[in-house]
Every structure is written in C-alpha cells, then in structure tokens.
C-alpha cells in the first residue's frame, strides 16, 4: 500500500474555530480552539438591502428586532446630483 502526505492550508472566512493539524505516526492530530463565541438567537435575520444611496426623502430600514449579518453601506451623494429649488421667481441649482 502506498501512502502520500497532502498538506492543506484552510482559509476560514469569518472564523469561528481555529485548527492547527499535525501528522505524527500516520495519525492526524488537530488542536482546535474557539475564537468567536456563538450564541443561539430566536431573533429573525434581516433579509433586506444592505446598501443605500441618500435621497430627498427619509429612508427607514426595517432592522428593528432583526439580526444583521453585514454592515449597512450608505453611498455618497452621486456626483451628478443637483438640488433644484424654486422660490416663485428664481430657479436655483445647487
């Protein structure tokens, strides 16, 4: 029987457990440690958009009593944005 050693370098995204494996006498030993605490929650997950662009109107993101899995991103005001106002006699673009 032929044996072959394979080296694996795992990449854990948003790590929960860190594992350091070693091979000794044809045995794989893995020392693991929890680096992020886990908690079970009955709170539902937020399933809406995470990216927003400012508008003239107030925007409310319905995140109350929800778990967010990402950061909310608020984009800058677009460079081609111009506020047009009319006071009855003068049109202003700012």
PDB file of N, CA and C in Angstrom:
ATOM      1  N   UNK A   1       0.851  -1.175   0.000  1.00  0.00           N
ATOM      2  CA  UNK A   1       0.000   0.000   0.000  1.00  0.00           C
ATOM      3  C   UNK A   1       0.894   1.233   0.000  1.00  0.00           C
ATOM      4  N   UNK A   2       0.547   2.215  -0.832  1.00  0.00           N
ATOM      5  CA  UNK A   2       1.350   3.431  -0.941  1.00  0.00           C
ATOM      6  C   UNK A   2       0.674   4.555  -0.155  1.00  0.00           C
ATOM      7  N   UNK A   3       1.456   5.286   0.621  1.00  0.00           N
ATOM      8  CA  UNK A   3       0.937   6.404   1.401  1.00  0.00           C
ATOM      9  C   UNK A   3       1.463   7.703   0.807  1.00  0.00           C
ATOM     10  N   UNK A   4       0.641   8.707   0.884  1.00  0.00           N
ATOM     11  CA  UNK A   4       1.025  10.003   0.370  1.00  0.00           C
ATOM     12  C   UNK A   4       0.571  11.065   1.369  1.00  0.00           C
ATOM     13  N   UNK A   5       1.409  12.057   1.589  1.00  0.00           N
ATOM     14  CA  UNK A   5       1.065  13.139   2.505  1.00  0.00           C
ATOM     15  C   UNK A   5       0.517  14.316   1.708  1.00  0.00           C
ATOM     16  N   UNK A   6      -0.606  14.835   2.119  1.00  0.00           N
ATOM     17  CA  UNK A   6      -1.214  16.000   1.484  1.00  0.00           C
ATOM     18  C   UNK A   6      -1.271  17.107   2.518  1.00  0.00           C
ATOM     19  N   UNK A   7      -0.696  18.248   2.183  1.00  0.00           N
ATOM     20  CA  UNK A   7      -0.719  19.396   3.084  1.00  0.00           C
ATOM     21  C   UNK A   7      -1.876  20.299   2.694  1.00  0.00           C
ATOM     22  N   UNK A   8      -2.675  20.672   3.660  1.00  0.00           N
ATOM     23  CA  UNK A   8      -3.841  21.513   3.423  1.00  0.00           C
ATOM     24  C   UNK A   8      -3.695  22.792   4.232  1.00  0.00           C
ATOM     25  N   UNK A   9      -3.906  23.924   3.578  1.00  0.00           N
ATOM     26  CA  UNK A   9      -3.889  25.229   4.245  1.00  0.00           C
ATOM     27  C   UNK A   9      -5.297  25.811   4.164  1.00  0.00           C
ATOM     28  N   UNK A  10      -6.141  25.525   5.150  1.00  0.00           N
ATOM     29  CA  UNK A  10      -7.519  26.024   5.067  1.00  0.00           C
ATOM     30  C   UNK A  10      -7.579  27.528   5.265  1.00  0.00           C
ATOM     31  N   UNK A  11      -8.544  28.142   4.617  1.00  0.00           N
ATOM     32  CA  UNK A  11      -8.814  29.571   4.791  1.00  0.00           C
ATOM     33  C   UNK A  11     -10.226  29.675   5.338  1.00  0.00           C
ATOM     34  N   UNK A  12     -10.326  30.161   6.537  1.00  0.00           N
ATOM     35  CA  UNK A  12     -11.634  30.272   7.180  1.00  0.00           C
ATOM     36  C   UNK A  12     -12.079  31.728   7.090  1.00  0.00           C
ATOM     37  N   UNK A  13     -13.261  31.946   6.525  1.00  0.00           N
ATOM     38  CA  UNK A  13     -13.822  33.285   6.419  1.00  0.00           C
ATOM     39  C   UNK A  13     -14.774  33.477   7.585  1.00  0.00           C
ATOM     40  N   UNK A  14     -14.693  34.617   8.243  1.00  0.00           N
ATOM     41  CA  UNK A  14     -15.455  34.871   9.462  1.00  0.00           C
ATOM     42  C   UNK A  14     -15.232  33.714  10.432  1.00  0.00           C
ATOM     43  N   UNK A  15     -13.974  33.539  10.860  1.00  0.00           N
ATOM     44  CA  UNK A  15     -13.610  32.337  11.614  1.00  0.00           C
ATOM     45  C   UNK A  15     -14.390  32.154  12.909  1.00  0.00           C
ATOM     46  N   UNK A  16     -14.700  30.913  13.157  1.00  0.00           N
ATOM     47  CA  UNK A  16     -15.350  30.509  14.388  1.00  0.00           C
ATOM     48  C   UNK A  16     -14.415  29.588  15.160  1.00  0.00           C
ATOM     49  N   UNK A  17     -13.716  28.727  14.430  1.00  0.00           N
ATOM     50  CA  UNK A  17     -12.803  27.775  15.066  1.00  0.00           C
ATOM     51  C   UNK A  17     -11.455  27.846  14.359  1.00  0.00           C
ATOM     52  N   UNK A  18     -10.376  27.897  15.115  1.00  0.00           N
ATOM     53  CA  UNK A  18      -9.030  27.847  14.580  1.00  0.00           C
ATOM     54  C   UNK A  18      -8.484  26.442  14.812  1.00  0.00           C
ATOM     55  N   UNK A  19      -7.979  25.805  13.745  1.00  0.00           N
ATOM     56  CA  UNK A  19      -7.485  24.424  13.840  1.00  0.00           C
ATOM     57  C   UNK A  19      -6.040  24.382  13.372  1.00  0.00           C
ATOM     58  N   UNK A  20      -5.179  23.711  14.172  1.00  0.00           N
ATOM     59  CA  UNK A  20      -3.789  23.503  13.804  1.00  0.00           C
ATOM     60  C   UNK A  20      -3.536  22.002  13.737  1.00  0.00           C
ATOM     61  N   UNK A  21      -3.568  21.404  12.524  1.00  0.00           N
ATOM     62  CA  UNK A  21      -3.371  19.960  12.431  1.00  0.00           C
ATOM     63  C   UNK A  21      -1.889  19.590  12.366  1.00  0.00           C
ATOM     64  N   UNK A  22      -1.536  18.425  12.889  1.00  0.00           N
ATOM     65  CA  UNK A  22      -0.195  17.856  12.771  1.00  0.00           C
ATOM     66  C   UNK A  22      -0.341  16.385  12.435  1.00  0.00           C
ATOM     67  N   UNK A  23       0.647  15.858  11.722  1.00  0.00           N
ATOM     68  CA  UNK A  23       0.634  14.435  11.374  1.00  0.00           C
ATOM     69  C   UNK A  23       1.819  13.776  12.071  1.00  0.00           C
ATOM     70  N   UNK A  24       1.530  12.758  12.883  1.00  0.00           N
ATOM     71  CA  UNK A  24       2.549  12.026  13.619  1.00  0.00           C
ATOM     72  C   UNK A  24       2.214  10.547  13.543  1.00  0.00           C
ATOM     73  N   UNK A  25       3.173   9.745  13.126  1.00  0.00           N
ATOM     74  CA  UNK A  25       2.987   8.290  13.048  1.00  0.00           C
ATOM     75  C   UNK A  25       1.686   7.912  12.341  1.00  0.00           C
ATOM     76  N   UNK A  26       1.456   8.490  11.210  1.00  0.00           N
ATOM     77  CA  UNK A  26       0.274   8.213  10.386  1.00  0.00           C
ATOM     78  C   UNK A  26      -1.050   8.578  11.063  1.00  0.00           C
ATOM     79  N   UNK A  27      -0.998   9.429  12.064  1.00  0.00           N
ATOM     80  CA  UNK A  27      -2.203   9.925  12.723  1.00  0.00           C
ATOM     81  C   UNK A  27      -2.287  11.429  12.527  1.00  0.00           C
ATOM     82  N   UNK A  28      -3.477  11.902  12.309  1.00  0.00           N
ATOM     83  CA  UNK A  28      -3.681  13.347  12.207  1.00  0.00           C
ATOM     84  C   UNK A  28      -4.225  13.823  13.536  1.00  0.00           C
ATOM     85  N   UNK A  29      -3.529  14.783  14.120  1.00  0.00           N
ATOM     86  CA  UNK A  29      -3.965  15.369  15.384  1.00  0.00           C
ATOM     87  C   UNK A  29      -4.323  16.821  15.101  1.00  0.00           C
ATOM     88  N   UNK A  30      -5.483  17.237  15.553  1.00  0.00           N
ATOM     89  CA  UNK A  30      -5.929  18.601  15.317  1.00  0.00           C
ATOM     90  C   UNK A  30      -6.310  19.239  16.640  1.00  0.00           C
ATOM     91  N   UNK A  31      -5.596  20.297  16.989  1.00  0.00           N
ATOM     92  CA  UNK A  31      -5.933  21.079  18.173  1.00  0.00           C
ATOM     93  C   UNK A  31      -6.789  22.252  17.715  1.00  0.00           C
ATOM     94  N   UNK A  32      -7.989  22.311  18.222  1.00  0.00           N
ATOM     95  CA  UNK A  32      -8.912  23.367  17.816  1.00  0.00           C
ATOM     96  C   UNK A  32      -9.245  24.246  18.997  1.00  0.00           C
ATOM     97  N   UNK A  33      -9.436  25.528  18.712  1.00  0.00           N
ATOM     98  CA  UNK A  33      -9.892  26.441  19.759  1.00  0.00           C
ATOM     99  C   UNK A  33     -10.946  27.375  19.180  1.00  0.00           C
ATOM    100  N   UNK A  34     -11.923  27.665  19.979  1.00  0.00           N
ATOM    101  CA  UNK A  34     -12.988  28.574  19.566  1.00  0.00           C
ATOM    102  C   UNK A  34     -12.466  29.991  19.707  1.00  0.00           C
ATOM    103  N   UNK A  35     -12.547  30.763  18.626  1.00  0.00           N
ATOM    104  CA  UNK A  35     -12.065  32.144  18.673  1.00  0.00           C
ATOM    105  C   UNK A  35     -13.204  33.149  18.531  1.00  0.00           C
ATOM    106  N   UNK A  36     -14.395  32.672  18.308  1.00  0.00           N
ATOM    107  CA  UNK A  36     -15.580  33.517  18.260  1.00  0.00           C
ATOM    108  C   UNK A  36     -16.675  32.815  19.051  1.00  0.00           C
ATOM    109  N   UNK A  37     -17.255  33.513  19.982  1.00  0.00           N
ATOM    110  CA  UNK A  37     -18.325  32.898  20.757  1.00  0.00           C
ATOM    111  C   UNK A  37     -19.586  32.827  19.919  1.00  0.00           C
ATOM    112  N   UNK A  38     -20.270  31.727  20.021  1.00  0.00           N
ATOM    113  CA  UNK A  38     -21.521  31.537  19.308  1.00  0.00           C
ATOM    114  C   UNK A  38     -22.685  31.659  20.275  1.00  0.00           C
ATOM    115  N   UNK A  39     -23.741  32.217  19.787  1.00  0.00           N
ATOM    116  CA  UNK A  39     -24.942  32.328  20.611  1.00  0.00           C
ATOM    117  C   UNK A  39     -26.147  32.026  19.728  1.00  0.00           C
ATOM    118  N   UNK A  40     -27.053  31.273  20.258  1.00  0.00           N
ATOM    119  CA  UNK A  40     -28.279  30.971  19.527  1.00  0.00           C
ATOM    120  C   UNK A  40     -29.286  32.083  19.809  1.00  0.00           C
ATOM    121  N   UNK A  41     -29.964  32.494  18.797  1.00  0.00           N
ATOM    122  CA  UNK A  41     -30.922  33.573  18.952  1.00  0.00           C
ATOM    123  C   UNK A  41     -32.224  33.225  18.252  1.00  0.00           C
ATOM    124  N   UNK A  42     -33.309  33.600  18.860  1.00  0.00           N
ATOM    125  CA  UNK A  42     -34.622  33.417  18.255  1.00  0.00           C
ATOM    126  C   UNK A  42     -35.003  34.646  17.422  1.00  0.00           C
ATOM    127  N   UNK A  43     -34.118  35.649  17.373  1.00  0.00           N
ATOM    128  CA  UNK A  43     -34.387  36.872  16.616  1.00  0.00           C
ATOM    129  C   UNK A  43     -34.225  36.557  15.131  1.00  0.00           C
ATOM    130  N   UNK A  44     -35.192  36.944  14.290  1.00  0.00           N
ATOM    131  CA  UNK A  44     -35.090  36.631  12.864  1.00  0.00           C
ATOM    132  C   UNK A  44     -33.994  37.442  12.178  1.00  0.00           C
ATOM    133  N   UNK A  45     -33.509  36.920  11.085  1.00  0.00           N
ATOM    134  CA  UNK A  45     -32.455  37.568  10.319  1.00  0.00           C
ATOM    135  C   UNK A  45     -33.051  38.647   9.423  1.00  0.00           C
ATOM    136  N   UNK A  46     -32.351  39.783   9.295  1.00  0.00           N
ATOM    137  CA  UNK A  46     -32.737  40.845   8.359  1.00  0.00           C
ATOM    138  C   UNK A  46     -32.473  40.356   6.942  1.00  0.00           C
ATOM    139  N   UNK A  47     -33.440  40.496   6.053  1.00  0.00           N
ATOM    140  CA  UNK A  47     -33.305  39.982   4.702  1.00  0.00           C
ATOM    141  C   UNK A  47     -33.438  41.063   3.638  1.00  0.00           C
ATOM    142  N   UNK A  48     -33.296  42.325   4.016  1.00  0.00           N
ATOM    143  CA  UNK A  48     -33.404  43.410   3.045  1.00  0.00           C
ATOM    144  C   UNK A  48     -32.059  43.826   2.480  1.00  0.00           C
ATOM    145  N   UNK A  49     -32.059  44.964   1.814  1.00  0.00           N
ATOM    146  CA  UNK A  49     -30.840  45.504   1.207  1.00  0.00           C
ATOM    147  C   UNK A  49     -29.873  45.993   2.287  1.00  0.00           C
ATOM    148  N   UNK A  50     -28.586  45.953   1.968  1.00  0.00           N
ATOM    149  CA  UNK A  50     -27.553  46.430   2.886  1.00  0.00           C
ATOM    150  C   UNK A  50     -26.852  47.668   2.333  1.00  0.00           C
ATOM    151  N   UNK A  51     -27.251  48.108   1.139  1.00  0.00           N
ATOM    152  CA  UNK A  51     -26.599  49.258   0.510  1.00  0.00           C
ATOM    153  C   UNK A  51     -27.651  50.287   0.118  1.00  0.00           C
ATOM    154  N   UNK A  52     -27.387  51.555   0.467  1.00  0.00           N
ATOM    155  CA  UNK A  52     -28.368  52.617   0.248  1.00  0.00           C
ATOM    156  C   UNK A  52     -27.687  53.865  -0.286  1.00  0.00           C
ATOM    157  N   UNK A  53     -28.437  54.658  -1.051  1.00  0.00           N
ATOM    158  CA  UNK A  53     -27.979  55.944  -1.561  1.00  0.00           C
ATOM    159  C   UNK A  53     -28.912  57.016  -1.014  1.00  0.00           C
ATOM    160  N   UNK A  54     -28.365  58.141  -0.538  1.00  0.00           N
ATOM    161  CA  UNK A  54     -29.210  59.196   0.023  1.00  0.00           C
ATOM    162  C   UNK A  54     -30.227  59.722  -0.995  1.00  0.00           C
ATOM    163  N   UNK A  55     -31.388  60.128  -0.481  1.00  0.00           N
ATOM    164  CA  UNK A  55     -32.435  60.725  -1.308  1.00  0.00           C
ATOM    165  C   UNK A  55     -32.967  61.953  -0.582  1.00  0.00           C
ATOM    166  N   UNK A  56     -33.922  62.631  -1.202  1.00  0.00           N
ATOM    167  CA  UNK A  56     -34.582  63.781  -0.564  1.00  0.00           C
ATOM    168  C   UNK A  56     -35.466  63.336   0.590  1.00  0.00           C
ATOM    169  N   UNK A  57     -35.953  62.104   0.506  1.00  0.00           N
ATOM    170  CA  UNK A  57     -36.892  61.591   1.494  1.00  0.00           C
ATOM    171  C   UNK A  57     -36.169  60.830   2.596  1.00  0.00           C
ATOM    172  N   UNK A  58     -36.783  60.790   3.763  1.00  0.00           N
ATOM    173  CA  UNK A  58     -36.270  59.974   4.856  1.00  0.00           C
ATOM    174  C   UNK A  58     -36.403  58.510   4.470  1.00  0.00           C
ATOM    175  N   UNK A  59     -35.368  57.750   4.711  1.00  0.00           N
ATOM    176  CA  UNK A  59     -35.394  56.320   4.432  1.00  0.00           C
ATOM    177  C   UNK A  59     -35.327  55.568   5.758  1.00  0.00           C
ATOM    178  N   UNK A  60     -36.221  54.637   5.948  1.00  0.00           N
ATOM    179  CA  UNK A  60     -36.213  53.808   7.147  1.00  0.00           C
ATOM    180  C   UNK A  60     -35.918  52.384   6.734  1.00  0.00           C
ATOM    181  N   UNK A  61     -34.883  51.820   7.330  1.00  0.00           N
ATOM    182  CA  UNK A  61     -34.507  50.437   7.041  1.00  0.00           C
ATOM    183  C   UNK A  61     -35.103  49.581   8.157  1.00  0.00           C
ATOM    184  N   UNK A  62     -35.971  48.632   7.839  1.00  0.00           N
ATOM    185  CA  UNK A  62     -36.678  47.863   8.864  1.00  0.00           C
ATOM    186  C   UNK A  62     -35.776  46.798   9.511  1.00  0.00           C
ATOM    187  N   UNK A  63     -34.888  47.260  10.399  1.00  0.00           N
ATOM    188  CA  UNK A  63     -33.942  46.347  11.056  1.00  0.00           C
ATOM    189  C   UNK A  63     -34.284  46.102  12.531  1.00  0.00           C
ATOM    190  N   UNK A  64     -35.321  46.731  13.037  1.00  0.00           N
ATOM    191  CA  UNK A  64     -35.683  46.547  14.449  1.00  0.00           C
ATOM    192  C   UNK A  64     -36.005  45.085  14.713  1.00  0.00           C
ATOM    193  N   UNK A  65     -35.466  44.568  15.788  1.00  0.00           N
ATOM    194  CA  UNK A  65     -35.692  43.185  16.211  1.00  0.00           C
ATOM    195  C   UNK A  65     -35.244  42.174  15.153  1.00  0.00           C
ATOM    196  N   UNK A  66     -34.161  42.517  14.418  1.00  0.00           N
ATOM    197  CA  UNK A  66     -33.594  41.641  13.392  1.00  0.00           C
ATOM    198  C   UNK A  66     -32.086  41.532  13.612  1.00  0.00           C
ATOM    199  N   UNK A  67     -31.515  40.415  13.185  1.00  0.00           N
ATOM    200  CA  UNK A  67     -30.078  40.208  13.232  1.00  0.00           C
ATOM    201  C   UNK A  67     -29.513  40.559  11.861  1.00  0.00           C
ATOM    202  N   UNK A  68     -28.526  41.463  11.822  1.00  0.00           N
ATOM    203  CA  UNK A  68     -27.871  41.824  10.573  1.00  0.00           C
ATOM    204  C   UNK A  68     -26.585  41.029  10.447  1.00  0.00           C
ATOM    205  N   UNK A  69     -26.319  40.470   9.263  1.00  0.00           N
ATOM    206  CA  UNK A  69     -25.129  39.671   9.042  1.00  0.00           C
ATOM    207  C   UNK A  69     -24.025  40.459   8.350  1.00  0.00           C
ATOM    208  N   UNK A  70     -24.320  41.665   7.908  1.00  0.00           N
ATOM    209  CA  UNK A  70     -23.350  42.517   7.224  1.00  0.00           C
ATOM    210  C   UNK A  70     -23.505  43.947   7.728  1.00  0.00           C
ATOM    211  N   UNK A  71     -22.520  44.788   7.408  1.00  0.00           N
ATOM    212  CA  UNK A  71     -22.628  46.211   7.700  1.00  0.00           C
ATOM    213  C   UNK A  71     -23.547  46.863   6.681  1.00  0.00           C
ATOM    214  N   UNK A  72     -24.262  47.891   7.097  1.00  0.00           N
ATOM    215  CA  UNK A  72     -25.061  48.683   6.172  1.00  0.00           C
ATOM    216  C   UNK A  72     -24.128  49.713   5.548  1.00  0.00           C
ATOM    217  N   UNK A  73     -24.212  49.861   4.228  1.00  0.00           N
ATOM    218  CA  UNK A  73     -23.376  50.810   3.496  1.00  0.00           C
ATOM    219  C   UNK A  73     -24.266  51.937   3.002  1.00  0.00           C
ATOM    220  N   UNK A  74     -23.876  53.177   3.291  1.00  0.00           N
ATOM    221  CA  UNK A  74     -24.590  54.347   2.791  1.00  0.00           C
ATOM    222  C   UNK A  74     -23.666  55.015   1.780  1.00  0.00           C
ATOM    223  N   UNK A  75     -24.063  54.971   0.520  1.00  0.00           N
ATOM    224  CA  UNK A  75     -23.234  55.518  -0.557  1.00  0.00           C
ATOM    225  C   UNK A  75     -23.205  57.036  -0.503  1.00  0.00           C
ATOM    226  N   UNK A  76     -22.169  57.658  -1.094  1.00  0.00           N
ATOM    227  CA  UNK A  76     -22.132  59.119  -1.151  1.00  0.00           C
ATOM    228  C   UNK A  76     -23.196  59.642  -2.104  1.00  0.00           C
ATOM    229  N   UNK A  77     -23.513  60.923  -1.982  1.00  0.00           N
ATOM    230  CA  UNK A  77     -24.441  61.563  -2.915  1.00  0.00           C
ATOM    231  C   UNK A  77     -23.792  61.506  -4.297  1.00  0.00           C
ATOM    232  N   UNK A  78     -24.507  61.086  -5.319  1.00  0.00           N
ATOM    233  CA  UNK A  78     -23.924  60.977  -6.664  1.00  0.00           C
ATOM    234  C   UNK A  78     -23.341  62.302  -7.141  1.00  0.00           C
ATOM    235  N   UNK A  79     -22.233  62.244  -7.878  1.00  0.00           N
ATOM    236  CA  UNK A  79     -21.543  63.463  -8.329  1.00  0.00           C
ATOM    237  C   UNK A  79     -22.389  64.278  -9.297  1.00  0.00           C
ATOM    238  N   UNK A  80     -23.323  63.646  -9.998  1.00  0.00           N
ATOM    239  CA  UNK A  80     -24.168  64.381 -10.937  1.00  0.00           C
ATOM    240  C   UNK A  80     -25.450  64.894 -10.275  1.00  0.00           C
ATOM    241  N   UNK A  81     -25.521  64.842  -8.940  1.00  0.00           N
ATOM    242  CA  UNK A  81     -26.717  65.276  -8.225  1.00  0.00           C
ATOM    243  C   UNK A  81     -26.740  66.793  -8.136  1.00  0.00           C
ATOM    244  N   UNK A  82     -27.873  67.385  -8.434  1.00  0.00           N
ATOM    245  CA  UNK A  82     -28.061  68.821  -8.287  1.00  0.00           C
ATOM    246  C   UNK A  82     -29.423  69.083  -7.662  1.00  0.00           C
ATOM    247  N   UNK A  83     -29.443  69.880  -6.613  1.00  0.00           N
ATOM    248  CA  UNK A  83     -30.707  70.222  -5.959  1.00  0.00           C
ATOM    249  C   UNK A  83     -31.295  71.444  -6.660  1.00  0.00           C
ATOM    250  N   UNK A  84     -32.496  71.289  -7.192  1.00  0.00           N
ATOM    251  CA  UNK A  84     -33.163  72.391  -7.894  1.00  0.00           C
ATOM    252  C   UNK A  84     -34.272  72.918  -6.999  1.00  0.00           C
ATOM    253  N   UNK A  85     -34.228  74.210  -6.720  1.00  0.00           N
ATOM    254  CA  UNK A  85     -35.268  74.841  -5.888  1.00  0.00           C
ATOM    255  C   UNK A  85     -35.867  76.031  -6.642  1.00  0.00           C
ATOM    256  N   UNK A  86     -37.123  76.321  -6.334  1.00  0.00           N
ATOM    257  CA  UNK A  86     -37.851  77.434  -6.963  1.00  0.00           C
ATOM    258  C   UNK A  86     -38.548  78.211  -5.863  1.00  0.00           C
ATOM    259  N   UNK A  87     -38.252  79.478  -5.729  1.00  0.00           N
ATOM    260  CA  UNK A  87     -38.878  80.283  -4.690  1.00  0.00           C
ATOM    261  C   UNK A  87     -40.026  81.138  -5.219  1.00  0.00           C
ATOM    262  N   UNK A  88     -40.465  80.877  -6.433  1.00  0.00           N
ATOM    263  CA  UNK A  88     -41.565  81.636  -7.029  1.00  0.00           C
ATOM    264  C   UNK A  88     -41.075  82.582  -8.086  1.00  0.00           C
ATOM    265  N   UNK A  89     -39.809  83.008  -8.004  1.00  0.00           N
ATOM    266  CA  UNK A  89     -39.276  83.903  -9.030  1.00  0.00           C
ATOM    267  C   UNK A  89     -37.871  83.524  -9.465  1.00  0.00           C
ATOM    268  N   UNK A  90     -37.157  82.748  -8.666  1.00  0.00           N
ATOM    269  CA  UNK A  90     -35.770  82.401  -9.017  1.00  0.00           C
ATOM    270  C   UNK A  90     -35.619  80.867  -8.954  1.00  0.00           C
ATOM    271  N   UNK A  91     -35.040  80.333 -10.017  1.00  0.00           N
ATOM    272  CA  UNK A  91     -34.714  78.906 -10.082  1.00  0.00           C
ATOM    273  C   UNK A  91     -33.241  78.773  -9.677  1.00  0.00           C
ATOM    274  N   UNK A  92     -32.968  77.936  -8.668  1.00  0.00           N
ATOM    275  CA  UNK A  92     -31.601  77.763  -8.182  1.00  0.00           C
ATOM    276  C   UNK A  92     -31.195  76.307  -8.290  1.00  0.00           C
ATOM    277  N   UNK A  93     -29.997  76.088  -8.835  1.00  0.00           N
ATOM    278  CA  UNK A  93     -29.416  74.743  -8.887  1.00  0.00           C
ATOM    279  C   UNK A  93     -28.189  74.767  -7.987  1.00  0.00           C
ATOM    280  N   UNK A  94     -28.203  73.901  -6.977  1.00  0.00           N
ATOM    281  CA  UNK A  94     -27.052  73.893  -6.070  1.00  0.00           C
ATOM    282  C   UNK A  94     -26.503  72.494  -5.925  1.00  0.00           C
TER     283      UNK A  94
END
